[in-house]
Amino acid sequence: MAPIALGIATEAEQEVHAMPAKSKAQQKAAGAALAAKRGEVPKSELVGASREIYHSMSEKQLDEFASTKRKGKPEHVADKRH
């Protein structure tokens, strides 16, 4: 009998590759979250974006996001949610 699909993705299917950081601020937030994931700093010290991505991204994703090259990146990305 074939298994019934319940709409639940397997762990391999859930693996999402992080997009590169679009700004230096995003890269810094990812670096802070990564340090907390690795236990180098307490997660209670995270604020703002770094706290949000700490919970939503894996250590591998944070590492990829934080390792984006900085050259040519703006300090911040304009908010497009007007």
PDB file of N, CA and C in Angstrom:
ATOM      1  N   MET A   1       0.843  -1.170   0.000  1.00  0.00           N
ATOM      2  CA  MET A   1       0.000   0.000   0.000  1.00  0.00           C
ATOM      3  C   MET A   1       0.896   1.244   0.000  1.00  0.00           C
ATOM      4  N   ALA A   2       0.616   2.203  -0.844  1.00  0.00           N
ATOM      5  CA  ALA A   2       1.406   3.431  -0.951  1.00  0.00           C
ATOM      6  C   ALA A   2       1.062   4.369   0.204  1.00  0.00           C
ATOM      7  N   PRO A   3       2.074   5.075   0.719  1.00  0.00           N
ATOM      8  CA  PRO A   3       1.799   6.024   1.800  1.00  0.00           C
ATOM      9  C   PRO A   3       0.957   7.187   1.303  1.00  0.00           C
ATOM     10  N   ILE A   4       0.156   7.725   2.168  1.00  0.00           N
ATOM     11  CA  ILE A   4      -0.712   8.853   1.838  1.00  0.00           C
ATOM     12  C   ILE A   4       0.066  10.147   2.093  1.00  0.00           C
ATOM     13  N   ALA A   5       0.063  11.010   1.129  1.00  0.00           N
ATOM     14  CA  ALA A   5       0.753  12.291   1.274  1.00  0.00           C
ATOM     15  C   ALA A   5      -0.050  13.199   2.190  1.00  0.00           C
ATOM     16  N   LEU A   6       0.581  13.670   3.248  1.00  0.00           N
ATOM     17  CA  LEU A   6      -0.100  14.535   4.202  1.00  0.00           C
ATOM     18  C   LEU A   6       0.323  15.992   4.062  1.00  0.00           C
ATOM     19  N   GLY A   7       1.094  16.283   3.044  1.00  0.00           N
ATOM     20  CA  GLY A   7       1.547  17.655   2.868  1.00  0.00           C
ATOM     21  C   GLY A   7       2.682  18.021   3.809  1.00  0.00           C
ATOM     22  N   ILE A   8       3.329  17.017   4.387  1.00  0.00           N
ATOM     23  CA  ILE A   8       4.438  17.267   5.299  1.00  0.00           C
ATOM     24  C   ILE A   8       5.734  17.009   4.546  1.00  0.00           C
ATOM     25  N   ALA A   9       6.583  17.989   4.495  1.00  0.00           N
ATOM     26  CA  ALA A   9       7.839  17.863   3.782  1.00  0.00           C
ATOM     27  C   ALA A   9       8.844  17.088   4.620  1.00  0.00           C
ATOM     28  N   THR A  10       9.645  16.283   3.949  1.00  0.00           N
ATOM     29  CA  THR A  10      10.709  15.568   4.646  1.00  0.00           C
ATOM     30  C   THR A  10      11.795  16.566   5.018  1.00  0.00           C
ATOM     31  N   GLU A  11      12.707  16.139   5.876  1.00  0.00           N
ATOM     32  CA  GLU A  11      13.790  17.029   6.293  1.00  0.00           C
ATOM     33  C   GLU A  11      14.609  17.504   5.101  1.00  0.00           C
ATOM     34  N   ALA A  12      14.864  16.613   4.148  1.00  0.00           N
ATOM     35  CA  ALA A  12      15.627  16.985   2.956  1.00  0.00           C
ATOM     36  C   ALA A  12      14.881  18.024   2.131  1.00  0.00           C
ATOM     37  N   GLU A  13      13.561  17.887   2.068  1.00  0.00           N
ATOM     38  CA  GLU A  13      12.762  18.843   1.299  1.00  0.00           C
ATOM     39  C   GLU A  13      12.685  20.194   1.989  1.00  0.00           C
ATOM     40  N   GLN A  14      12.836  20.203   3.323  1.00  0.00           N
ATOM     41  CA  GLN A  14      12.764  21.445   4.072  1.00  0.00           C
ATOM     42  C   GLN A  14      14.054  22.245   3.974  1.00  0.00           C
ATOM     43  N   GLU A  15      15.153  21.594   3.579  1.00  0.00           N
ATOM     44  CA  GLU A  15      16.432  22.291   3.478  1.00  0.00           C
ATOM     45  C   GLU A  15      16.314  23.399   2.439  1.00  0.00           C
ATOM     46  N   VAL A  16      16.443  24.616   2.887  1.00  0.00           N
ATOM     47  CA  VAL A  16      16.323  25.778   2.019  1.00  0.00           C
ATOM     48  C   VAL A  16      17.656  26.491   2.013  1.00  0.00           C
ATOM     49  N   HIS A  17      18.140  26.806   0.851  1.00  0.00           N
ATOM     50  CA  HIS A  17      19.403  27.529   0.777  1.00  0.00           C
ATOM     51  C   HIS A  17      19.149  29.008   1.024  1.00  0.00           C
ATOM     52  N   ALA A  18      19.963  29.576   1.885  1.00  0.00           N
ATOM     53  CA  ALA A  18      19.814  30.987   2.219  1.00  0.00           C
ATOM     54  C   ALA A  18      20.216  31.844   1.022  1.00  0.00           C
ATOM     55  N   MET A  19      19.481  32.892   0.830  1.00  0.00           N
ATOM     56  CA  MET A  19      19.839  33.852  -0.197  1.00  0.00           C
ATOM     57  C   MET A  19      20.999  34.673   0.339  1.00  0.00           C
ATOM     58  N   PRO A  20      21.803  35.252  -0.524  1.00  0.00           N
ATOM     59  CA  PRO A  20      22.881  36.090  -0.012  1.00  0.00           C
ATOM     60  C   PRO A  20      22.332  37.349   0.644  1.00  0.00           C
ATOM     61  N   ALA A  21      23.059  37.850   1.626  1.00  0.00           N
ATOM     62  CA  ALA A  21      22.660  39.084   2.295  1.00  0.00           C
ATOM     63  C   ALA A  21      22.642  40.214   1.277  1.00  0.00           C
ATOM     64  N   LYS A  22      21.657  41.090   1.388  1.00  0.00           N
ATOM     65  CA  LYS A  22      21.534  42.214   0.462  1.00  0.00           C
ATOM     66  C   LYS A  22      22.153  43.482   1.026  1.00  0.00           C
ATOM     67  N   SER A  23      22.513  43.472   2.307  1.00  0.00           N
ATOM     68  CA  SER A  23      23.119  44.649   2.910  1.00  0.00           C
ATOM     69  C   SER A  23      24.087  44.228   4.010  1.00  0.00           C
ATOM     70  N   LYS A  24      24.924  45.156   4.414  1.00  0.00           N
ATOM     71  CA  LYS A  24      25.859  44.899   5.505  1.00  0.00           C
ATOM     72  C   LYS A  24      25.105  44.653   6.806  1.00  0.00           C
ATOM     73  N   ALA A  25      23.987  45.337   6.993  1.00  0.00           N
ATOM     74  CA  ALA A  25      23.190  45.163   8.206  1.00  0.00           C
ATOM     75  C   ALA A  25      22.632  43.739   8.292  1.00  0.00           C
ATOM     76  N   GLN A  26      22.156  43.191   7.178  1.00  0.00           N
ATOM     77  CA  GLN A  26      21.650  41.820   7.169  1.00  0.00           C
ATOM     78  C   GLN A  26      22.776  40.843   7.491  1.00  0.00           C
ATOM     79  N   GLN A  27      23.948  41.101   6.940  1.00  0.00           N
ATOM     80  CA  GLN A  27      25.088  40.228   7.167  1.00  0.00           C
ATOM     81  C   GLN A  27      25.501  40.249   8.641  1.00  0.00           C
ATOM     82  N   LYS A  28      25.491  41.432   9.238  1.00  0.00           N
ATOM     83  CA  LYS A  28      25.840  41.554  10.653  1.00  0.00           C
ATOM     84  C   LYS A  28      24.820  40.839  11.533  1.00  0.00           C
ATOM     85  N   ALA A  29      23.544  40.962  11.206  1.00  0.00           N
ATOM     86  CA  ALA A  29      22.490  40.288  11.973  1.00  0.00           C
ATOM     87  C   ALA A  29      22.651  38.775  11.879  1.00  0.00           C
ATOM     88  N   ALA A  30      22.976  38.287  10.691  1.00  0.00           N
ATOM     89  CA  ALA A  30      23.188  36.853  10.512  1.00  0.00           C
ATOM     90  C   ALA A  30      24.402  36.384  11.305  1.00  0.00           C
ATOM     91  N   GLY A  31      25.436  37.193  11.335  1.00  0.00           N
ATOM     92  CA  GLY A  31      26.628  36.842  12.105  1.00  0.00           C
ATOM     93  C   GLY A  31      26.335  36.755  13.595  1.00  0.00           C
ATOM     94  N   ALA A  32      25.549  37.674  14.103  1.00  0.00           N
ATOM     95  CA  ALA A  32      25.180  37.665  15.516  1.00  0.00           C
ATOM     96  C   ALA A  32      24.324  36.437  15.835  1.00  0.00           C
ATOM     97  N   ALA A  33      23.366  36.131  14.973  1.00  0.00           N
ATOM     98  CA  ALA A  33      22.507  34.966  15.181  1.00  0.00           C
ATOM     99  C   ALA A  33      23.317  33.678  15.101  1.00  0.00           C
ATOM    100  N   LEU A  34      24.274  33.638  14.193  1.00  0.00           N
ATOM    101  CA  LEU A  34      25.127  32.464  14.044  1.00  0.00           C
ATOM    102  C   LEU A  34      25.964  32.247  15.304  1.00  0.00           C
ATOM    103  N   ALA A  35      26.506  33.320  15.857  1.00  0.00           N
ATOM    104  CA  ALA A  35      27.292  33.206  17.084  1.00  0.00           C
ATOM    105  C   ALA A  35      26.443  32.650  18.226  1.00  0.00           C
ATOM    106  N   ALA A  36      25.189  33.060  18.284  1.00  0.00           N
ATOM    107  CA  ALA A  36      24.284  32.554  19.318  1.00  0.00           C
ATOM    108  C   ALA A  36      23.952  31.078  19.074  1.00  0.00           C
ATOM    109  N   LYS A  37      23.726  30.701  17.807  1.00  0.00           N
ATOM    110  CA  LYS A  37      23.441  29.297  17.480  1.00  0.00           C
ATOM    111  C   LYS A  37      24.591  28.406  17.906  1.00  0.00           C
ATOM    112  N   ARG A  38      25.817  28.908  17.741  1.00  0.00           N
ATOM    113  CA  ARG A  38      27.015  28.135  18.085  1.00  0.00           C
ATOM    114  C   ARG A  38      27.334  28.187  19.574  1.00  0.00           C
ATOM    115  N   GLY A  39      26.580  28.973  20.332  1.00  0.00           N
ATOM    116  CA  GLY A  39      26.799  29.060  21.766  1.00  0.00           C
ATOM    117  C   GLY A  39      27.912  30.007  22.171  1.00  0.00           C
ATOM    118  N   GLU A  40      28.376  30.829  21.238  1.00  0.00           N
ATOM    119  CA  GLU A  40      29.458  31.767  21.514  1.00  0.00           C
ATOM    120  C   GLU A  40      28.976  32.990  22.276  1.00  0.00           C
ATOM    121  N   VAL A  41      27.709  33.335  22.115  1.00  0.00           N
ATOM    122  CA  VAL A  41      27.083  34.430  22.869  1.00  0.00           C
ATOM    123  C   VAL A  41      25.702  33.948  23.307  1.00  0.00           C
ATOM    124  N   PRO A  42      25.187  34.446  24.429  1.00  0.00           N
ATOM    125  CA  PRO A  42      23.850  34.027  24.849  1.00  0.00           C
ATOM    126  C   PRO A  42      22.777  34.548  23.897  1.00  0.00           C
ATOM    127  N   LYS A  43      21.789  33.710  23.593  1.00  0.00           N
ATOM    128  CA  LYS A  43      20.739  34.144  22.673  1.00  0.00           C
ATOM    129  C   LYS A  43      19.911  35.276  23.263  1.00  0.00           C
ATOM    130  N   SER A  44      19.970  35.459  24.571  1.00  0.00           N
ATOM    131  CA  SER A  44      19.239  36.555  25.211  1.00  0.00           C
ATOM    132  C   SER A  44      19.800  37.924  24.817  1.00  0.00           C
ATOM    133  N   GLU A  45      21.022  37.949  24.283  1.00  0.00           N
ATOM    134  CA  GLU A  45      21.624  39.205  23.833  1.00  0.00           C
ATOM    135  C   GLU A  45      21.160  39.624  22.445  1.00  0.00           C
ATOM    136  N   LEU A  46      20.491  38.739  21.723  1.00  0.00           N
ATOM    137  CA  LEU A  46      20.024  39.058  20.374  1.00  0.00           C
ATOM    138  C   LEU A  46      18.818  39.984  20.428  1.00  0.00           C
ATOM    139  N   VAL A  47      18.793  40.952  19.520  1.00  0.00           N
ATOM    140  CA  VAL A  47      17.666  41.876  19.408  1.00  0.00           C
ATOM    141  C   VAL A  47      17.321  42.065  17.935  1.00  0.00           C
ATOM    142  N   GLY A  48      16.106  42.473  17.675  1.00  0.00           N
ATOM    143  CA  GLY A  48      15.677  42.828  16.321  1.00  0.00           C
ATOM    144  C   GLY A  48      15.797  41.687  15.327  1.00  0.00           C
ATOM    145  N   ALA A  49      16.380  41.994  14.182  1.00  0.00           N
ATOM    146  CA  ALA A  49      16.463  41.041  13.081  1.00  0.00           C
ATOM    147  C   ALA A  49      17.276  39.804  13.449  1.00  0.00           C
ATOM    148  N   SER A  50      18.340  39.983  14.234  1.00  0.00           N
ATOM    149  CA  SER A  50      19.159  38.828  14.585  1.00  0.00           C
ATOM    150  C   SER A  50      18.363  37.832  15.420  1.00  0.00           C
ATOM    151  N   ARG A  51      17.490  38.313  16.284  1.00  0.00           N
ATOM    152  CA  ARG A  51      16.648  37.420  17.098  1.00  0.00           C
ATOM    153  C   ARG A  51      15.648  36.677  16.201  1.00  0.00           C
ATOM    154  N   GLU A  52      15.068  37.382  15.233  1.00  0.00           N
ATOM    155  CA  GLU A  52      14.094  36.764  14.329  1.00  0.00           C
ATOM    156  C   GLU A  52      14.732  35.669  13.476  1.00  0.00           C
ATOM    157  N   ILE A  53      15.891  35.968  12.897  1.00  0.00           N
ATOM    158  CA  ILE A  53      16.501  34.959  12.021  1.00  0.00           C
ATOM    159  C   ILE A  53      17.150  33.836  12.813  1.00  0.00           C
ATOM    160  N   TYR A  54      17.476  34.060  14.079  1.00  0.00           N
ATOM    161  CA  TYR A  54      17.992  32.993  14.934  1.00  0.00           C
ATOM    162  C   TYR A  54      16.981  31.850  14.972  1.00  0.00           C
ATOM    163  N   HIS A  55      15.711  32.193  15.085  1.00  0.00           N
ATOM    164  CA  HIS A  55      14.664  31.186  15.196  1.00  0.00           C
ATOM    165  C   HIS A  55      14.234  30.621  13.845  1.00  0.00           C
ATOM    166  N   SER A  56      14.419  31.363  12.773  1.00  0.00           N
ATOM    167  CA  SER A  56      13.872  30.932  11.485  1.00  0.00           C
ATOM    168  C   SER A  56      14.886  30.294  10.539  1.00  0.00           C
ATOM    169  N   MET A  57      16.168  30.337  10.884  1.00  0.00           N
ATOM    170  CA  MET A  57      17.181  29.795   9.984  1.00  0.00           C
ATOM    171  C   MET A  57      18.058  28.776  10.703  1.00  0.00           C
ATOM    172  N   SER A  58      18.545  27.793   9.950  1.00  0.00           N
ATOM    173  CA  SER A  58      19.447  26.791  10.502  1.00  0.00           C
ATOM    174  C   SER A  58      20.857  27.390  10.611  1.00  0.00           C
ATOM    175  N   GLU A  59      21.731  26.700  11.314  1.00  0.00           N
ATOM    176  CA  GLU A  59      23.109  27.169  11.445  1.00  0.00           C
ATOM    177  C   GLU A  59      23.783  27.243  10.075  1.00  0.00           C
ATOM    178  N   LYS A  60      23.510  26.273   9.230  1.00  0.00           N
ATOM    179  CA  LYS A  60      24.093  26.261   7.887  1.00  0.00           C
ATOM    180  C   LYS A  60      23.612  27.470   7.081  1.00  0.00           C
ATOM    181  N   GLN A  61      22.317  27.750   7.143  1.00  0.00           N
ATOM    182  CA  GLN A  61      21.767  28.890   6.419  1.00  0.00           C
ATOM    183  C   GLN A  61      22.375  30.194   6.932  1.00  0.00           C
ATOM    184  N   LEU A  62      22.494  30.324   8.255  1.00  0.00           N
ATOM    185  CA  LEU A  62      23.079  31.534   8.832  1.00  0.00           C
ATOM    186  C   LEU A  62      24.526  31.695   8.398  1.00  0.00           C
ATOM    187  N   ASP A  63      25.260  30.586   8.346  1.00  0.00           N
ATOM    188  CA  ASP A  63      26.655  30.637   7.924  1.00  0.00           C
ATOM    189  C   ASP A  63      26.765  31.138   6.490  1.00  0.00           C
ATOM    190  N   GLU A  64      25.891  30.626   5.612  1.00  0.00           N
ATOM    191  CA  GLU A  64      25.901  31.071   4.212  1.00  0.00           C
ATOM    192  C   GLU A  64      25.536  32.553   4.110  1.00  0.00           C
ATOM    193  N   PHE A  65      24.536  32.971   4.861  1.00  0.00           N
ATOM    194  CA  PHE A  65      24.066  34.356   4.831  1.00  0.00           C
ATOM    195  C   PHE A  65      25.140  35.305   5.359  1.00  0.00           C
ATOM    196  N   ALA A  66      25.787  34.916   6.455  1.00  0.00           N
ATOM    197  CA  ALA A  66      26.797  35.770   7.076  1.00  0.00           C
ATOM    198  C   ALA A  66      28.091  35.834   6.266  1.00  0.00           C
ATOM    199  N   SER A  67      28.341  34.825   5.452  1.00  0.00           N
ATOM    200  CA  SER A  67      29.598  34.795   4.701  1.00  0.00           C
ATOM    201  C   SER A  67      29.526  35.491   3.352  1.00  0.00           C
ATOM    202  N   THR A  68      28.417  36.143   3.056  1.00  0.00           N
ATOM    203  CA  THR A  68      28.271  36.905   1.817  1.00  0.00           C
ATOM    204  C   THR A  68      29.347  37.977   1.739  1.00  0.00           C
ATOM    205  N   LYS A  69      29.902  38.185   0.571  1.00  0.00           N
ATOM    206  CA  LYS A  69      30.912  39.234   0.402  1.00  0.00           C
ATOM    207  C   LYS A  69      30.293  40.605   0.650  1.00  0.00           C
ATOM    208  N   ARG A  70      31.050  41.485   1.300  1.00  0.00           N
ATOM    209  CA  ARG A  70      30.546  42.818   1.659  1.00  0.00           C
ATOM    210  C   ARG A  70      30.736  43.853   0.565  1.00  0.00           C
ATOM    211  N   LYS A  71      31.699  43.644  -0.284  1.00  0.00           N
ATOM    212  CA  LYS A  71      32.031  44.656  -1.286  1.00  0.00           C
ATOM    213  C   LYS A  71      30.811  45.000  -2.134  1.00  0.00           C
ATOM    214  N   GLY A  72      30.508  46.285  -2.203  1.00  0.00           N
ATOM    215  CA  GLY A  72      29.408  46.767  -3.021  1.00  0.00           C
ATOM    216  C   GLY A  72      28.040  46.706  -2.356  1.00  0.00           C
ATOM    217  N   LYS A  73      27.977  46.243  -1.128  1.00  0.00           N
ATOM    218  CA  LYS A  73      26.698  46.157  -0.430  1.00  0.00           C
ATOM    219  C   LYS A  73      26.408  47.473   0.283  1.00  0.00           C
ATOM    220  N   PRO A  74      25.160  47.927   0.245  1.00  0.00           N
ATOM    221  CA  PRO A  74      24.795  49.130   1.008  1.00  0.00           C
ATOM    222  C   PRO A  74      24.741  48.787   2.497  1.00  0.00           C
ATOM    223  N   GLU A  75      24.800  49.806   3.332  1.00  0.00           N
ATOM    224  CA  GLU A  75      24.704  49.559   4.785  1.00  0.00           C
ATOM    225  C   GLU A  75      23.321  48.988   5.135  1.00  0.00           C
ATOM    226  N   HIS A  76      22.275  49.536   4.513  1.00  0.00           N
ATOM    227  CA  HIS A  76      20.902  49.065   4.741  1.00  0.00           C
ATOM    228  C   HIS A  76      20.183  48.972   3.414  1.00  0.00           C
ATOM    229  N   VAL A  77      19.173  48.133   3.343  1.00  0.00           N
ATOM    230  CA  VAL A  77      18.330  48.007   2.154  1.00  0.00           C
ATOM    231  C   VAL A  77      17.066  48.813   2.421  1.00  0.00           C
ATOM    232  N   ALA A  78      16.622  49.553   1.436  1.00  0.00           N
ATOM    233  CA  ALA A  78      15.407  50.360   1.596  1.00  0.00           C
ATOM    234  C   ALA A  78      14.211  49.460   1.846  1.00  0.00           C
ATOM    235  N   ASP A  79      13.352  49.882   2.732  1.00  0.00           N
ATOM    236  CA  ASP A  79      12.129  49.157   3.051  1.00  0.00           C
ATOM    237  C   ASP A  79      11.117  49.370   1.939  1.00  0.00           C
ATOM    238  N   LYS A  80      10.639  48.287   1.336  1.00  0.00           N
ATOM    239  CA  LYS A  80       9.706  48.384   0.215  1.00  0.00           C
ATOM    240  C   LYS A  80       8.269  48.096   0.630  1.00  0.00           C
ATOM    241  N   ARG A  81       7.981  48.102   1.938  1.00  0.00           N
ATOM    242  CA  ARG A  81       6.638  47.768   2.423  1.00  0.00           C
ATOM    243  C   ARG A  81       5.771  48.995   2.626  1.00  0.00           C
ATOM    244  N   HIS A  82       5.934  50.039   1.896  1.00  0.00           N
ATOM    245  CA  HIS A  82       5.159  51.294   2.090  1.00  0.00           C
ATOM    246  C   HIS A  82       3.706  51.065   1.933  1.00  0.00           C
TER     247      HIS A  82
END
